[in-house]
Every structure is written in structure tokens, then in C-alpha cells.
């Protein structure tokens, strides 16, 4: 569909409750509606895909207070939208897709909704605190925004400590018939406590992570050590912390993630040995520990024997064992170069003095003969 729609085309739609229009990605369908026009209808379903709604968020959309299913994707909106509208939208809706716009907004800190199932806010300009209430949804997409403690947008720091409180992942949930996703890559996560102070009280978010089975924090600027609390999430299915700046040892407790099928810690700064407990992850079918500073012998046994691609471990020059064949290389000295030179000179001098002394003793016929 293409052309121009005005309020004249929409004025007689007094009883419509569903409005669905899609077109090609070049936005060949344009809404040329007066900014202040208030429509005679109240929608429950709104689907506008690749339609040019305009730079501003029009009144005819703002007054839709009964929406339950919304797709407003690639609509050219770059306006600032009030938190109150989002609070109402997320409270009433079960599906919200506002992706591929340039919406400027801060999401509300509190939303009370038991219906919200799918949320896609990716590729916008949302900012502020983590909208952690969104974790009640089964699918959440927040990529390429600027949330202050989520991450290859601009969120930096350590992994939030509340991740170890994902209740369903700790104790299991019989209702988890399909996978749940929490995806925040392409941001820059900053360390914030998950108790956010607002309006004179603290909002506790630790109990909102009820349905997550997959955690993807890849391609961020996360720092700090491996969050040991993640090892409490026994029912975690996928963990991807790749392409960050995490350091220190990989927790020995990682073997507690007995349902883990995919683990990617590549392109970080992890050091030390690979935990032997990895071999206890009998469901693991994808492993990538490449390009860290890991050392020692690669653990063997159980599922690790089937993960025999050396690329899973490449970029760690001090690893050895299966699937590598080389012995452990000697680690470079931590002493500065000039100190090493002084040590070598002193060693050489000592050996020279001993050699001269021995030679002198031999010339004078001085021997130590054992008496029997």
C-alpha cells in the first residue's frame, strides 16, 4: 500500500477497534494528519509497519487508551513521549513493538501488568534506569538504547548483582514450556544497585526476574569478575557474556548450572585455570572460551569430550591438553626488563668467580681427598 492518509479518510471509522496497515520499508504510506486531530474511535489493536506517521507523536495516537496489541515499527517517530503514556500502554497491553524509531523517552520505574508478554523497544533512544519490570515479559528486546545500567549503546560497569535472584532459574518452574529471553546486548551496562531509590522509597527489583532462561549480555563494556551469583541459576539454559572486559577466574561453581546448554565467555580477560566442574555440564553443546588469558590443562570428561573444536579455546596461549597437543608454555616473567638484566649479570658474575676459584685450586694442587 502507498499514498497519503488524512483525517478525512479516518473520520467515519467510529466503531473500528483494529487498525492494521503495513507497507514496504521505504515508508511509501504517509499519514498527513493534523497534529491535534482527535479521532472518533478507540483502538484495541494498532499495527503500523513501515508507515510514516511523522516526526512527532500525534494526538490521535496519544488518546488511544485501550490498546492491548501495538506494533508501531519504523514509523519515523523521533518525538519525546511522556512516561504516563508508556505506563498506561504497558499496563493494558500484552504485545508492544515500538522498534526502529528514534523515540526519546524515559520508561516508567513502576508498571503493574500481569498481561505483558512481548516488548520490543530496540533501536530507539530510550534512557534512564533499567526498566526491570519488563522481565515479567517472555521476550524483551532493548538493544541499542541508552539505559543507565543495561549495555554497545553506552552502559558501563559490572553485571548487576540482582541477576542471581532470578527465582524461576534457581528453583525451576513447571510452567516454562518455552524459552524466555532477556536480551540487552549493544548497550553499556553501569553498576547500579537493584534497589532504586525513588519518591522516598526503594523499589526492589530482585523478585521480578521470574521467567528468564536465557541471559545475553554480549558486546558491552562490562567490567569486574565473573558474577558468582549466576551459578545459583540452576535452570539457566544459555549464558552469553562474550565481548566484554570481564576479568579474574571463572567461578568453580559454574558446574552448578546443570541445565546449561550454551556458554560463551569469549573475548574477555578471564584468567587462571578452566574450572574442572565444566565437565559436569552434561547438556552443554556449545562452548566458547576463546581469546581470554586462561592457562593450564583443559578439563576432560563427559560432554567436554564432544566439544573438540580447538577454536573454542584459541587465543589462550597458556592452555594445553585436549584438543590441543602442546605442553604448557612457560609464562613470561613478571619482572621488569631492566631487573632481569641485572639478575642475569649477577648470575654470570657468580659463575665466573666460581670458575676462576676452581681453576686456581687445581693449579696449586689443592684437593679434598676423603679419608677412609
Protein backbone atom coordinates (compact mmCIF):
# COMPACT_ATOMS: atom_id res chain seq x y z
CA UNK A 1 0.00 0.00 0.00
CA UNK A 2 1.16 3.51 -0.74
CA UNK A 3 -0.16 7.06 -0.83
CA UNK A 4 -1.26 9.66 1.72
CA UNK A 5 -3.82 9.24 4.51
CA UNK A 6 -5.52 12.24 6.11
CA UNK A 7 -8.07 12.61 8.91
CA UNK A 8 -10.76 12.74 6.21
CA UNK A 9 -10.10 9.09 5.41
CA UNK A 10 -10.41 8.16 9.08
CA UNK A 11 -13.21 10.42 10.29
CA UNK A 12 -16.07 7.94 9.66
CA UNK A 13 -14.41 4.98 11.38
CA UNK A 14 -16.41 5.44 14.54
CA UNK A 15 -16.69 1.79 15.56
CA UNK A 16 -13.36 0.41 14.45
CA UNK A 17 -11.24 -1.19 17.17
CA UNK A 18 -8.49 -2.69 14.99
CA UNK A 19 -6.32 -0.71 12.60
CA UNK A 20 -3.70 -2.62 10.59
CA UNK A 21 -1.55 -1.17 7.82
CA UNK A 22 1.76 -2.45 6.52
CA UNK A 23 3.86 -1.41 3.57
CA UNK A 24 7.37 -1.62 2.19
CA UNK A 25 10.36 -0.43 4.25
CA UNK A 26 10.66 2.80 2.24
CA UNK A 27 7.56 4.19 4.06
CA UNK A 28 5.52 4.67 0.92
CA UNK A 29 2.37 5.19 3.00
CA UNK A 30 2.29 8.59 4.71
CA UNK A 31 -0.03 9.84 7.46
CA UNK A 32 -0.73 13.50 6.85
CA UNK A 33 -2.99 14.04 9.85
CA UNK A 34 -3.38 17.29 11.74
CA UNK A 35 -1.25 17.11 14.86
CA UNK A 36 -4.18 17.98 17.18
CA UNK A 37 -6.83 15.80 15.50
CA UNK A 38 -8.70 13.56 17.93
CA UNK A 39 -10.28 10.51 16.24
CA UNK A 40 -13.79 9.17 16.93
CA UNK A 41 -12.51 5.64 17.57
CA UNK A 42 -10.68 3.88 20.39
CA UNK A 43 -8.45 1.08 19.22
CA UNK A 44 -7.57 -2.22 20.87
CA UNK A 45 -5.23 -3.32 18.09
CA UNK A 46 -2.89 -0.99 16.23
CA UNK A 47 -0.42 -2.23 13.61
CA UNK A 48 1.52 0.31 11.56
CA UNK A 49 4.64 -1.17 9.97
CA UNK A 50 6.86 0.96 7.71
CA UNK A 51 4.24 3.71 7.60
CA UNK A 52 5.43 7.29 8.01
CA UNK A 53 3.43 8.58 10.96
CA UNK A 54 5.63 11.68 11.27
CA UNK A 55 8.38 13.08 13.41
CA UNK A 56 6.01 13.99 16.23
CA UNK A 57 3.91 11.64 18.31
CA UNK A 58 0.41 12.63 17.13
CA UNK A 59 -2.56 13.23 19.40
CA UNK A 60 -4.65 10.62 17.58
CA UNK A 61 -2.23 8.02 18.93
CA UNK A 62 -1.83 9.59 22.34
CA UNK A 63 -5.58 9.32 23.06
CA UNK A 64 -5.68 5.57 22.40
CA UNK A 65 -6.07 4.35 25.97
CA UNK A 66 -7.44 0.83 25.34
CA UNK A 67 -4.63 -0.64 23.28
CA UNK A 68 -3.70 -4.24 24.01
CA UNK A 69 -1.72 -5.12 20.86
CA UNK A 70 0.58 -2.47 19.36
CA UNK A 71 3.11 -2.57 16.55
CA UNK A 72 4.36 0.87 15.62
CA UNK A 73 7.59 -0.10 13.89
CA UNK A 74 9.74 2.02 11.57
CA UNK A 75 7.23 4.85 11.72
CA UNK A 76 9.69 7.75 11.64
CA UNK A 77 8.78 8.99 15.13
CA UNK A 78 11.53 10.97 16.84
CA UNK A 79 9.47 12.83 19.41
CA UNK A 80 9.65 12.79 23.21
CA UNK A 81 6.86 10.73 24.74
CA UNK A 82 5.62 11.16 28.29
CA UNK A 83 6.17 8.42 30.88
CA UNK A 84 2.46 8.42 31.74
CA UNK A 85 1.54 7.23 28.25
CA UNK A 86 4.01 4.36 28.48
CA UNK A 87 2.77 3.41 31.94
CA UNK A 88 -0.78 3.16 30.62
CA UNK A 89 0.29 1.34 27.46
CA UNK A 90 2.33 -1.30 29.25
CA UNK A 91 -0.30 -1.78 31.94
CA UNK A 92 -3.04 -2.58 29.41
CA UNK A 93 -1.15 -4.33 26.61
CA UNK A 94 0.22 -7.82 26.16
CA UNK A 95 2.25 -7.08 22.98
CA UNK A 96 4.19 -3.85 22.33
CA UNK A 97 6.58 -3.26 19.43
CA UNK A 98 7.93 0.29 19.04
CA UNK A 99 11.17 -0.74 17.35
CA UNK A 100 13.17 1.14 14.73
CA UNK A 101 12.11 4.65 15.58
CA UNK A 102 14.01 7.45 17.31
CA UNK A 103 11.72 7.83 20.29
CA UNK A 104 13.16 9.89 23.14
CA UNK A 105 11.73 8.83 26.47
CA UNK A 106 12.34 7.54 29.94
CA UNK A 107 10.38 4.45 30.75
CA UNK A 108 8.37 4.43 33.99
CA UNK A 109 10.03 2.82 37.00
CA UNK A 110 6.84 1.05 38.01
CA UNK A 111 4.31 -0.70 35.81
CA UNK A 112 1.69 -3.09 37.16
CA UNK A 113 0.79 -5.57 34.47
CA UNK A 114 0.18 -9.29 34.52
CA UNK A 115 -0.57 -9.40 30.79
CA UNK A 116 2.60 -8.03 29.24
CA UNK A 117 4.19 -10.79 27.19
CA UNK A 118 6.34 -9.35 24.38
CA UNK A 119 8.15 -6.00 24.34
CA UNK A 120 10.42 -4.71 21.57
CA UNK A 121 11.87 -1.25 22.17
CA UNK A 122 15.06 -1.82 20.20
CA UNK A 123 16.75 0.84 18.10
CA UNK A 124 15.33 3.90 19.79
CA UNK A 125 16.68 6.49 22.21
CA UNK A 126 15.18 5.30 25.47
CA UNK A 127 17.25 6.16 28.50
CA UNK A 128 17.22 6.19 32.28
CA UNK A 129 17.13 3.35 34.78
CA UNK A 130 16.72 -0.25 33.81
CA UNK A 131 13.06 -0.99 33.13
CA UNK A 132 13.41 -4.22 35.10
CA UNK A 133 9.67 -4.66 35.39
CA UNK A 134 9.88 -5.72 31.74
CA UNK A 135 11.32 -9.03 32.87
CA UNK A 136 7.79 -10.20 33.56
CA UNK A 137 7.51 -10.47 29.78
CA UNK A 138 8.62 -13.62 27.97
CA UNK A 139 10.51 -11.78 25.22
CA UNK A 140 12.24 -8.45 25.79
CA UNK A 141 14.33 -6.57 23.24
CA UNK A 142 16.13 -3.44 24.40
CA UNK A 143 19.11 -3.31 22.05
CA UNK A 144 20.63 -0.03 21.02
CA UNK A 145 19.17 2.25 23.61
CA UNK A 146 20.88 4.08 26.47
CA UNK A 147 19.61 2.61 29.69
CA UNK A 148 21.87 3.64 32.52
CA UNK A 149 22.65 0.16 33.78
CA UNK A 150 21.85 -2.14 30.92
CA UNK A 151 24.82 -2.39 27.60
CA UNK A 152 27.07 -1.39 22.67
CA UNK A 153 25.00 1.67 23.38
CA UNK A 154 26.58 3.41 26.40
CA UNK A 155 26.13 1.43 29.63
CA UNK A 156 29.33 0.50 31.55
CA UNK A 157 30.35 -1.21 34.77
CA UNK A 158 29.75 -4.55 36.47
CA UNK A 159 26.97 -7.06 35.97
CA UNK A 160 24.09 -6.13 38.31
CA UNK A 161 24.14 -8.21 41.47
CA UNK A 162 20.42 -8.96 41.34
CA UNK A 163 20.91 -11.38 38.47
CA UNK A 164 21.45 -14.18 40.99
CA UNK A 165 17.89 -13.69 42.23
CA UNK A 166 16.15 -14.92 39.05
CA UNK A 167 13.66 -17.01 41.00
CA UNK A 168 12.48 -19.43 38.32
CA UNK A 169 16.04 -20.15 37.29
CA UNK A 170 17.04 -21.06 40.84
CA UNK A 171 14.18 -23.36 41.75
CA UNK A 172 12.63 -24.29 38.43
CA UNK A 173 9.17 -23.53 37.08
CA UNK A 174 6.90 -26.17 35.66
CA UNK A 175 5.13 -23.58 33.51
CA UNK A 176 8.26 -22.84 31.46
CA UNK A 177 7.10 -24.69 28.34
CA UNK A 178 9.17 -22.49 26.03
CA UNK A 179 12.24 -20.34 26.31
CA UNK A 180 12.28 -16.89 27.85
CA UNK A 181 14.69 -14.27 26.66
CA UNK A 182 16.29 -11.24 28.27
CA UNK A 183 18.37 -9.54 25.62
CA UNK A 184 20.30 -6.35 26.36
CA UNK A 185 23.31 -6.53 24.09
CA UNK A 186 24.58 -3.38 22.33
CA UNK A 187 24.28 -1.13 25.37
CA UNK A 188 26.81 -0.24 28.08
CA UNK A 189 25.83 -1.58 31.49
CA UNK A 190 26.68 0.53 34.53
CA UNK A 191 26.85 -0.71 38.09
CA UNK A 192 23.70 0.23 39.93
CA UNK A 193 22.14 -1.42 42.91
CA UNK A 194 18.89 -3.07 42.03
CA UNK A 195 17.25 -1.17 44.83
CA UNK A 196 16.40 2.04 43.04
CA UNK A 197 15.53 4.93 45.32
CA UNK A 198 12.55 6.92 44.09
CA UNK A 199 9.89 9.02 45.73
CA UNK A 200 11.40 8.40 49.17
CA UNK A 201 11.41 4.61 48.97
CA UNK A 202 13.34 1.80 47.39
CA UNK A 203 11.93 -0.32 44.59
CA UNK A 204 13.13 -3.87 44.88
CA UNK A 205 13.67 -5.50 41.51
CA UNK A 206 15.24 -8.73 42.69
CA UNK A 207 11.91 -10.59 42.53
CA UNK A 208 10.93 -9.52 39.04
CA UNK A 209 13.21 -11.91 37.14
CA UNK A 210 10.74 -14.76 37.19
CA UNK A 211 10.83 -16.26 33.71
CA UNK A 212 14.29 -15.77 32.23
CA UNK A 213 16.01 -18.86 30.81
CA UNK A 214 18.49 -17.12 28.50
CA UNK A 215 20.82 -14.29 29.55
CA UNK A 216 22.65 -12.42 26.81
CA UNK A 217 24.87 -9.52 27.92
CA UNK A 218 27.27 -9.77 24.99
CA UNK A 219 29.03 -6.91 23.23
CA UNK A 220 29.04 -4.50 26.14
CA UNK A 221 31.67 -2.80 28.24
CA UNK A 222 31.12 -4.86 31.36
CA UNK A 223 33.98 -4.98 33.86
CA UNK A 224 34.69 -6.83 37.06
CA UNK A 225 34.82 -10.53 37.84
CA UNK A 226 32.56 -13.39 36.90
CA UNK A 227 29.38 -12.88 38.95
CA UNK A 228 29.33 -15.95 41.18
CA UNK A 229 25.63 -15.40 41.85
CA UNK A 230 24.85 -16.51 38.30
CA UNK A 231 25.90 -20.01 39.33
CA UNK A 232 22.79 -20.17 41.54
CA UNK A 233 20.58 -20.14 38.43
CA UNK A 234 20.47 -23.90 38.09
CA UNK A 235 17.85 -23.82 35.33
CA UNK A 236 19.70 -21.34 33.13
CA UNK A 237 19.77 -22.55 29.54
CA UNK A 238 22.06 -20.04 27.79
CA UNK A 239 24.67 -17.65 29.19
CA UNK A 240 26.46 -15.25 26.86
CA UNK A 241 28.89 -12.75 28.40
CA UNK A 242 31.15 -12.51 25.36
CA UNK A 243 32.99 -9.42 24.12
CA UNK A 244 33.16 -7.52 27.38
CA UNK A 245 36.04 -6.65 29.72
CA UNK A 246 35.38 -9.20 32.47
CA UNK A 247 38.43 -10.48 34.35
CA UNK A 248 39.51 -12.80 37.16
CA UNK A 249 38.82 -16.51 37.43
CA UNK A 250 35.80 -18.31 36.07
CA UNK A 251 33.87 -19.46 39.12
CA UNK A 252 34.39 -23.09 40.17
CA UNK A 253 30.65 -23.17 40.86
CA UNK A 254 29.81 -22.92 37.18
CA UNK A 255 29.24 -26.68 37.26
CA UNK A 256 26.08 -25.99 39.28
CA UNK A 257 24.38 -24.76 36.08
CA UNK A 258 23.27 -28.30 35.36
CA UNK A 259 20.77 -27.35 32.63
CA UNK A 260 23.18 -25.10 30.75
CA UNK A 261 23.38 -25.86 27.03
CA UNK A 262 25.35 -22.89 25.73
CA UNK A 263 28.18 -20.94 27.39
CA UNK A 264 30.06 -18.12 25.65
CA UNK A 265 32.71 -16.21 27.64
CA UNK A 266 34.91 -15.37 24.65
CA UNK A 267 36.77 -12.11 24.13
CA UNK A 268 37.12 -11.15 27.77
CA UNK A 269 40.07 -11.06 30.17
CA UNK A 270 39.37 -14.15 32.25
CA UNK A 271 42.50 -15.76 33.69
CA UNK A 272 43.53 -18.83 35.63
CA UNK A 273 42.50 -22.43 35.00
CA UNK A 274 39.31 -23.62 33.36
CA UNK A 275 37.14 -24.99 36.20
CA UNK A 276 37.03 -28.79 36.25
CA UNK A 277 33.35 -28.54 37.14
CA UNK A 278 32.63 -27.66 33.49
CA UNK A 279 32.89 -31.36 32.74
CA UNK A 280 29.78 -31.95 34.85
CA UNK A 281 27.60 -29.94 32.46
CA UNK A 282 26.25 -32.95 30.60
CA UNK A 283 23.81 -30.93 28.44
CA UNK A 284 26.40 -28.46 27.19
CA UNK A 285 26.50 -28.40 23.38
CA UNK A 286 28.12 -25.03 22.73
CA UNK A 287 31.20 -23.68 24.48
CA UNK A 288 33.40 -20.71 23.57
CA UNK A 289 36.21 -19.63 25.90
CA UNK A 290 38.44 -18.19 23.18
CA UNK A 291 40.55 -15.07 23.50
CA UNK A 292 40.99 -14.76 27.22
CA UNK A 293 44.07 -15.29 29.44
CA UNK A 294 43.23 -18.80 30.61
CA UNK A 295 46.04 -21.21 31.50
CA UNK A 296 46.69 -24.81 32.47
CA UNK A 297 45.25 -28.08 31.27
CA UNK A 298 41.83 -28.14 29.63
CA UNK A 299 39.44 -30.34 31.68
CA UNK A 300 38.21 -33.56 30.10
CA UNK A 301 35.36 -35.93 30.60
CA UNK A 302 31.66 -36.21 29.83
CA UNK A 303 30.31 -33.58 27.44
CA UNK A 304 33.64 -31.77 27.05
CA UNK A 305 34.96 -34.70 25.03
CA UNK A 306 32.44 -33.91 22.31
CA UNK A 307 33.35 -30.20 22.23
CA UNK A 308 36.62 -30.94 20.49
CA UNK A 309 36.95 -27.88 18.26
CA UNK A 310 40.20 -26.11 19.18
CA UNK A 311 38.64 -22.77 18.16
CA UNK A 312 36.64 -22.97 21.40
CA UNK A 313 39.90 -22.33 23.26
CA UNK A 314 42.10 -20.38 20.82
CA UNK A 315 43.63 -17.10 21.89
CA UNK A 316 44.67 -18.57 25.26
CA UNK A 317 48.40 -19.25 24.70
CA UNK A 318 48.93 -20.96 28.07
CA UNK A 319 46.25 -23.63 27.70
CA UNK A 320 47.24 -27.21 26.94
CA UNK A 321 45.71 -30.63 26.63
CA UNK A 322 42.83 -31.92 24.54
CA UNK A 323 42.03 -30.67 21.92
CA UNK A 324 45.49 -29.05 21.93
CA UNK A 325 48.62 -31.20 21.97
CA UNK A 326 51.32 -28.80 23.11
CA UNK A 327 52.68 -28.69 26.63
CA UNK A 328 52.08 -25.72 28.88
CA UNK A 329 54.32 -22.89 27.79
CA UNK A 330 56.43 -21.14 30.36
CA UNK A 331 54.74 -17.94 31.40
CA UNK A 332 56.69 -14.77 30.81
CA UNK A 333 58.35 -13.27 33.85
CA UNK A 334 56.52 -10.51 35.61
CA UNK A 335 59.84 -8.76 36.46
CA UNK A 336 60.67 -5.59 34.54
CA UNK A 337 63.23 -6.00 31.77
CA UNK A 338 65.95 -3.94 33.47
CA UNK A 339 65.65 -6.01 36.66
CA UNK A 340 66.01 -9.18 34.62
CA UNK A 341 69.20 -7.82 33.04
CA UNK A 342 70.70 -7.09 36.48
CA UNK A 343 69.85 -10.61 37.67
CA UNK A 344 71.46 -12.18 34.62
CA UNK A 345 74.61 -10.06 35.04
CA UNK A 346 74.90 -11.11 38.70
CA UNK A 347 74.38 -14.76 37.82
CA UNK A 348 77.09 -14.53 35.17
CA UNK A 349 79.49 -12.86 37.64
CA UNK A 350 78.93 -15.57 40.26
CA UNK A 351 79.60 -18.34 37.77
CA UNK A 352 82.78 -16.56 36.58
CA UNK A 353 84.14 -16.24 40.16
CA UNK A 354 83.45 -19.92 40.88
CA UNK A 355 85.20 -20.96 37.66
CA UNK A 356 88.28 -18.88 38.48
CA UNK A 357 88.43 -20.25 42.04
CA UNK A 358 88.26 -23.85 40.82
CA UNK A 359 90.96 -23.21 38.25
CA UNK A 360 93.25 -21.71 40.90
CA UNK A 361 92.75 -24.61 43.29
CA UNK A 362 93.58 -27.06 40.53
CA UNK A 363 96.79 -25.19 39.63
CA UNK A 364 98.02 -25.32 43.24
CA UNK A 365 97.14 -28.97 43.62
CA UNK A 366 94.65 -28.38 46.36
CA UNK A 367 92.24 -31.29 46.59
CA UNK A 368 89.88 -32.57 49.16
CA UNK A 369 90.53 -36.28 49.50
CA UNK A 370 88.13 -38.35 51.58
CA UNK A 371 89.69 -40.32 54.38
CA UNK A 372 88.63 -43.90 54.71
